[in-house]
Amino acid sequence: MRTIALLVASNIFMTFAWYGHLNFKEVALWKVILISWGIAFFEYCLMVPANRIGSYQFSTFQLKTIQEVITLVIFSFFSVYYLKEGIKWNYMVGFGFIILAVFFIFKKW
């Protein structure tokens, strides 16, 4: 559970670092890059321990899959509530396929 919590926190920082500046298009690109790097520092401070701790319980393929699902969930909320974009039906279909991938990756064959 600690791995998941760290991955969620890290992805919140990552999402703001990568996409938060889109609401501030009037800010010079070089400033946005520096600010994003500053935010990303905290993402790395959480992501690295999350992966280290998680590697005792999950394979690296499973860790990456967990991280991608968390990223999509956080990004969806971020996109709707912060960037004010809607979720279209084809996005949901794509997410459904990703959930199917999660099934195949975590299923004990």
N, C-alpha and C. Protein backbone atom coordinates (compact mmCIF):
# COMPACT_ATOMS: atom_id res chain seq x y z
N MET A 1 0.82 -1.20 0.00
CA MET A 1 0.00 0.00 0.00
C MET A 1 0.86 1.26 0.00
N ARG A 2 2.03 1.18 0.65
CA ARG A 2 2.93 2.33 0.68
C ARG A 2 3.41 2.66 -0.74
N THR A 3 3.65 1.64 -1.53
CA THR A 3 4.08 1.85 -2.91
C THR A 3 3.02 2.62 -3.69
N ILE A 4 1.77 2.20 -3.55
CA ILE A 4 0.67 2.85 -4.27
C ILE A 4 0.54 4.31 -3.83
N ALA A 5 0.61 4.57 -2.53
CA ALA A 5 0.50 5.94 -2.03
C ALA A 5 1.63 6.81 -2.58
N LEU A 6 2.85 6.29 -2.59
CA LEU A 6 3.97 7.05 -3.13
C LEU A 6 3.81 7.28 -4.63
N LEU A 7 3.32 6.29 -5.35
CA LEU A 7 3.10 6.45 -6.79
C LEU A 7 2.02 7.49 -7.08
N VAL A 8 0.96 7.50 -6.28
CA VAL A 8 -0.10 8.49 -6.46
C VAL A 8 0.47 9.89 -6.22
N ALA A 9 1.17 10.08 -5.11
CA ALA A 9 1.74 11.40 -4.80
C ALA A 9 2.72 11.83 -5.89
N SER A 10 3.56 10.92 -6.31
CA SER A 10 4.54 11.25 -7.34
C SER A 10 3.87 11.63 -8.65
N ASN A 11 2.80 10.94 -9.00
CA ASN A 11 2.10 11.25 -10.25
C ASN A 11 1.35 12.57 -10.19
N ILE A 12 0.93 12.98 -9.02
CA ILE A 12 0.32 14.31 -8.90
C ILE A 12 1.35 15.38 -9.24
N PHE A 13 2.55 15.25 -8.67
CA PHE A 13 3.63 16.18 -9.00
C PHE A 13 3.97 16.11 -10.49
N MET A 14 4.08 14.90 -11.02
CA MET A 14 4.43 14.73 -12.43
C MET A 14 3.41 15.40 -13.34
N THR A 15 2.14 15.21 -13.05
CA THR A 15 1.10 15.79 -13.89
C THR A 15 1.17 17.30 -13.88
N PHE A 16 1.37 17.89 -12.71
CA PHE A 16 1.51 19.35 -12.65
C PHE A 16 2.78 19.82 -13.36
N ALA A 17 3.86 19.06 -13.23
CA ALA A 17 5.11 19.45 -13.89
C ALA A 17 4.96 19.40 -15.42
N TRP A 18 4.29 18.39 -15.92
CA TRP A 18 4.19 18.22 -17.37
C TRP A 18 3.06 19.02 -18.01
N TYR A 19 1.95 19.20 -17.29
CA TYR A 19 0.77 19.79 -17.92
C TYR A 19 0.23 21.04 -17.23
N GLY A 20 0.66 21.31 -16.02
CA GLY A 20 0.13 22.45 -15.28
C GLY A 20 0.35 23.79 -15.95
N HIS A 21 1.43 23.91 -16.68
CA HIS A 21 1.76 25.16 -17.35
C HIS A 21 0.82 25.49 -18.50
N LEU A 22 0.03 24.54 -18.95
CA LEU A 22 -0.87 24.79 -20.08
C LEU A 22 -1.92 25.85 -19.76
N ASN A 23 -2.17 26.11 -18.49
CA ASN A 23 -3.08 27.19 -18.10
C ASN A 23 -2.35 28.54 -18.02
N PHE A 24 -1.06 28.54 -18.29
CA PHE A 24 -0.25 29.76 -18.21
C PHE A 24 0.57 29.94 -19.49
N LYS A 25 -0.11 29.95 -20.62
CA LYS A 25 0.59 30.02 -21.91
C LYS A 25 1.27 31.36 -22.15
N GLU A 26 0.94 32.35 -21.36
CA GLU A 26 1.57 33.67 -21.52
C GLU A 26 2.95 33.73 -20.85
N VAL A 27 3.27 32.76 -20.02
CA VAL A 27 4.57 32.71 -19.33
C VAL A 27 5.63 32.19 -20.32
N ALA A 28 6.79 32.81 -20.29
CA ALA A 28 7.88 32.42 -21.19
C ALA A 28 8.23 30.94 -21.03
N LEU A 29 8.53 30.31 -22.14
CA LEU A 29 8.82 28.88 -22.13
C LEU A 29 9.98 28.52 -21.21
N TRP A 30 11.02 29.31 -21.20
CA TRP A 30 12.18 29.00 -20.35
C TRP A 30 11.80 29.01 -18.88
N LYS A 31 10.89 29.90 -18.48
CA LYS A 31 10.44 29.95 -17.09
C LYS A 31 9.62 28.70 -16.76
N VAL A 32 8.77 28.32 -17.69
CA VAL A 32 7.93 27.14 -17.50
C VAL A 32 8.80 25.89 -17.36
N ILE A 33 9.86 25.81 -18.16
CA ILE A 33 10.77 24.66 -18.09
C ILE A 33 11.43 24.59 -16.72
N LEU A 34 11.92 25.71 -16.23
CA LEU A 34 12.57 25.73 -14.91
C LEU A 34 11.60 25.36 -13.79
N ILE A 35 10.41 25.91 -13.85
CA ILE A 35 9.40 25.60 -12.83
C ILE A 35 9.03 24.12 -12.90
N SER A 36 8.85 23.61 -14.10
CA SER A 36 8.51 22.19 -14.27
C SER A 36 9.60 21.28 -13.74
N TRP A 37 10.86 21.63 -13.97
CA TRP A 37 11.96 20.85 -13.43
C TRP A 37 11.96 20.87 -11.91
N GLY A 38 11.63 22.02 -11.33
CA GLY A 38 11.54 22.12 -9.87
C GLY A 38 10.46 21.22 -9.31
N ILE A 39 9.32 21.19 -9.98
CA ILE A 39 8.22 20.33 -9.54
C ILE A 39 8.59 18.86 -9.74
N ALA A 40 9.23 18.56 -10.87
CA ALA A 40 9.61 17.18 -11.18
C ALA A 40 10.61 16.63 -10.16
N PHE A 41 11.39 17.49 -9.55
CA PHE A 41 12.33 17.03 -8.51
C PHE A 41 11.57 16.27 -7.41
N PHE A 42 10.44 16.82 -6.99
CA PHE A 42 9.65 16.18 -5.93
C PHE A 42 9.01 14.89 -6.44
N GLU A 43 8.66 14.87 -7.72
CA GLU A 43 8.13 13.64 -8.30
C GLU A 43 9.18 12.53 -8.21
N TYR A 44 10.42 12.85 -8.55
CA TYR A 44 11.48 11.85 -8.47
C TYR A 44 11.75 11.42 -7.03
N CYS A 45 11.65 12.35 -6.10
CA CYS A 45 11.88 12.02 -4.68
C CYS A 45 10.85 11.04 -4.16
N LEU A 46 9.71 10.96 -4.81
CA LEU A 46 8.67 10.00 -4.42
C LEU A 46 8.68 8.75 -5.30
N MET A 47 8.96 8.93 -6.59
CA MET A 47 8.90 7.81 -7.53
C MET A 47 10.01 6.79 -7.28
N VAL A 48 11.21 7.28 -7.01
CA VAL A 48 12.33 6.35 -6.81
C VAL A 48 12.08 5.45 -5.59
N PRO A 49 11.71 6.00 -4.43
CA PRO A 49 11.41 5.11 -3.30
C PRO A 49 10.20 4.19 -3.57
N ALA A 50 9.21 4.71 -4.30
CA ALA A 50 8.04 3.87 -4.62
C ALA A 50 8.47 2.64 -5.40
N ASN A 51 9.32 2.85 -6.39
CA ASN A 51 9.79 1.72 -7.19
C ASN A 51 10.71 0.81 -6.40
N ARG A 52 11.53 1.38 -5.55
CA ARG A 52 12.44 0.55 -4.74
C ARG A 52 11.62 -0.32 -3.78
N ILE A 53 10.69 0.29 -3.06
CA ILE A 53 9.84 -0.45 -2.12
C ILE A 53 8.97 -1.46 -2.86
N GLY A 54 8.39 -1.03 -3.97
CA GLY A 54 7.49 -1.90 -4.73
C GLY A 54 8.18 -3.08 -5.37
N SER A 55 9.49 -2.96 -5.62
CA SER A 55 10.20 -4.05 -6.29
C SER A 55 10.29 -5.31 -5.42
N TYR A 56 10.03 -5.17 -4.13
CA TYR A 56 10.02 -6.35 -3.26
C TYR A 56 8.72 -7.13 -3.36
N GLN A 57 7.69 -6.49 -3.89
CA GLN A 57 6.37 -7.12 -3.98
C GLN A 57 5.93 -7.36 -5.42
N PHE A 58 6.36 -6.50 -6.35
CA PHE A 58 5.91 -6.57 -7.73
C PHE A 58 7.10 -6.72 -8.67
N SER A 59 6.83 -7.29 -9.85
CA SER A 59 7.86 -7.29 -10.90
C SER A 59 7.94 -5.87 -11.47
N THR A 60 8.98 -5.60 -12.21
CA THR A 60 9.09 -4.26 -12.81
C THR A 60 7.98 -4.02 -13.84
N PHE A 61 7.56 -5.07 -14.53
CA PHE A 61 6.44 -4.92 -15.47
C PHE A 61 5.15 -4.56 -14.72
N GLN A 62 4.95 -5.18 -13.58
CA GLN A 62 3.76 -4.87 -12.78
C GLN A 62 3.85 -3.45 -12.21
N LEU A 63 5.02 -3.06 -11.73
CA LEU A 63 5.19 -1.70 -11.21
C LEU A 63 4.88 -0.66 -12.28
N LYS A 64 5.39 -0.87 -13.47
CA LYS A 64 5.15 0.08 -14.56
C LYS A 64 3.68 0.12 -14.91
N THR A 65 3.02 -1.01 -14.91
CA THR A 65 1.60 -1.07 -15.20
C THR A 65 0.80 -0.31 -14.15
N ILE A 66 1.12 -0.53 -12.89
CA ILE A 66 0.45 0.20 -11.79
C ILE A 66 0.64 1.70 -11.98
N GLN A 67 1.88 2.10 -12.27
CA GLN A 67 2.18 3.51 -12.44
C GLN A 67 1.40 4.12 -13.59
N GLU A 68 1.27 3.40 -14.70
CA GLU A 68 0.54 3.92 -15.85
C GLU A 68 -0.95 4.07 -15.56
N VAL A 69 -1.53 3.11 -14.85
CA VAL A 69 -2.95 3.21 -14.50
C VAL A 69 -3.17 4.40 -13.56
N ILE A 70 -2.31 4.55 -12.57
CA ILE A 70 -2.40 5.70 -11.66
C ILE A 70 -2.27 7.00 -12.45
N THR A 71 -1.32 7.03 -13.37
CA THR A 71 -1.11 8.23 -14.19
C THR A 71 -2.37 8.58 -14.97
N LEU A 72 -3.01 7.60 -15.58
CA LEU A 72 -4.21 7.87 -16.36
C LEU A 72 -5.37 8.35 -15.49
N VAL A 73 -5.51 7.77 -14.31
CA VAL A 73 -6.59 8.19 -13.41
C VAL A 73 -6.35 9.63 -12.96
N ILE A 74 -5.15 9.92 -12.51
CA ILE A 74 -4.84 11.28 -12.03
C ILE A 74 -4.95 12.27 -13.18
N PHE A 75 -4.40 11.90 -14.35
CA PHE A 75 -4.47 12.80 -15.49
C PHE A 75 -5.92 13.06 -15.90
N SER A 76 -6.77 12.06 -15.83
CA SER A 76 -8.18 12.26 -16.18
C SER A 76 -8.83 13.30 -15.29
N PHE A 77 -8.63 13.17 -13.98
CA PHE A 77 -9.18 14.17 -13.05
C PHE A 77 -8.56 15.54 -13.31
N PHE A 78 -7.26 15.59 -13.50
CA PHE A 78 -6.55 16.83 -13.76
C PHE A 78 -7.07 17.50 -15.02
N SER A 79 -7.23 16.71 -16.07
CA SER A 79 -7.68 17.24 -17.35
C SER A 79 -9.09 17.82 -17.25
N VAL A 80 -9.96 17.13 -16.53
CA VAL A 80 -11.35 17.58 -16.41
C VAL A 80 -11.46 18.78 -15.48
N TYR A 81 -10.85 18.71 -14.30
CA TYR A 81 -11.05 19.75 -13.29
C TYR A 81 -10.09 20.92 -13.38
N TYR A 82 -8.86 20.71 -13.85
CA TYR A 82 -7.88 21.79 -13.91
C TYR A 82 -7.81 22.40 -15.31
N LEU A 83 -7.76 21.55 -16.33
CA LEU A 83 -7.66 22.04 -17.69
C LEU A 83 -9.03 22.25 -18.34
N LYS A 84 -10.08 21.80 -17.66
CA LYS A 84 -11.46 21.98 -18.13
C LYS A 84 -11.72 21.31 -19.48
N GLU A 85 -11.16 20.13 -19.67
CA GLU A 85 -11.40 19.35 -20.89
C GLU A 85 -12.34 18.19 -20.56
N GLY A 86 -13.10 17.79 -21.54
CA GLY A 86 -14.03 16.68 -21.33
C GLY A 86 -13.40 15.33 -21.67
N ILE A 87 -14.00 14.29 -21.14
CA ILE A 87 -13.58 12.92 -21.48
C ILE A 87 -14.54 12.41 -22.53
N LYS A 88 -13.99 11.99 -23.65
CA LYS A 88 -14.80 11.50 -24.77
C LYS A 88 -14.94 9.98 -24.69
N TRP A 89 -15.90 9.45 -25.44
CA TRP A 89 -16.17 8.01 -25.39
C TRP A 89 -14.96 7.19 -25.84
N ASN A 90 -14.22 7.69 -26.83
CA ASN A 90 -13.09 6.91 -27.32
C ASN A 90 -11.95 6.87 -26.30
N TYR A 91 -11.85 7.89 -25.44
CA TYR A 91 -10.87 7.84 -24.36
C TYR A 91 -11.23 6.72 -23.39
N MET A 92 -12.51 6.61 -23.09
CA MET A 92 -12.97 5.57 -22.17
C MET A 92 -12.74 4.17 -22.75
N VAL A 93 -12.95 4.01 -24.05
CA VAL A 93 -12.68 2.73 -24.70
C VAL A 93 -11.19 2.40 -24.59
N GLY A 94 -10.34 3.39 -24.85
CA GLY A 94 -8.90 3.19 -24.72
C GLY A 94 -8.51 2.80 -23.31
N PHE A 95 -9.09 3.48 -22.32
CA PHE A 95 -8.81 3.14 -20.92
C PHE A 95 -9.27 1.72 -20.61
N GLY A 96 -10.38 1.32 -21.22
CA GLY A 96 -10.87 -0.05 -21.03
C GLY A 96 -9.86 -1.07 -21.52
N PHE A 97 -9.23 -0.79 -22.65
CA PHE A 97 -8.19 -1.68 -23.16
C PHE A 97 -6.99 -1.72 -22.22
N ILE A 98 -6.68 -0.60 -21.61
CA ILE A 98 -5.58 -0.58 -20.65
C ILE A 98 -5.93 -1.43 -19.43
N ILE A 99 -7.17 -1.37 -18.99
CA ILE A 99 -7.61 -2.22 -17.87
C ILE A 99 -7.50 -3.69 -18.27
N LEU A 100 -7.81 -4.00 -19.51
CA LEU A 100 -7.65 -5.36 -20.01
C LEU A 100 -6.18 -5.78 -19.97
N ALA A 101 -5.28 -4.85 -20.30
CA ALA A 101 -3.85 -5.13 -20.21
C ALA A 101 -3.44 -5.42 -18.77
N VAL A 102 -4.03 -4.68 -17.83
CA VAL A 102 -3.74 -4.91 -16.40
C VAL A 102 -4.12 -6.34 -16.03
N PHE A 103 -5.27 -6.78 -16.50
CA PHE A 103 -5.71 -8.16 -16.23
C PHE A 103 -4.66 -9.16 -16.71
N PHE A 104 -4.19 -8.99 -17.95
CA PHE A 104 -3.23 -9.94 -18.50
C PHE A 104 -1.88 -9.88 -17.79
N ILE A 105 -1.48 -8.72 -17.36
CA ILE A 105 -0.18 -8.58 -16.70
C ILE A 105 -0.21 -9.16 -15.28
N PHE A 106 -1.32 -9.02 -14.57
CA PHE A 106 -1.39 -9.48 -13.17
C PHE A 106 -1.97 -10.88 -13.01
N LYS A 107 -2.55 -11.43 -14.05
CA LYS A 107 -3.14 -12.78 -13.97
C LYS A 107 -2.02 -13.80 -13.78
N LYS A 108 -2.21 -14.71 -12.86
CA LYS A 108 -1.26 -15.81 -12.64
C LYS A 108 -1.59 -16.92 -13.64
N TRP A 109 -0.74 -17.12 -14.61
CA TRP A 109 -1.03 -18.09 -15.67
C TRP A 109 -0.41 -19.42 -15.33
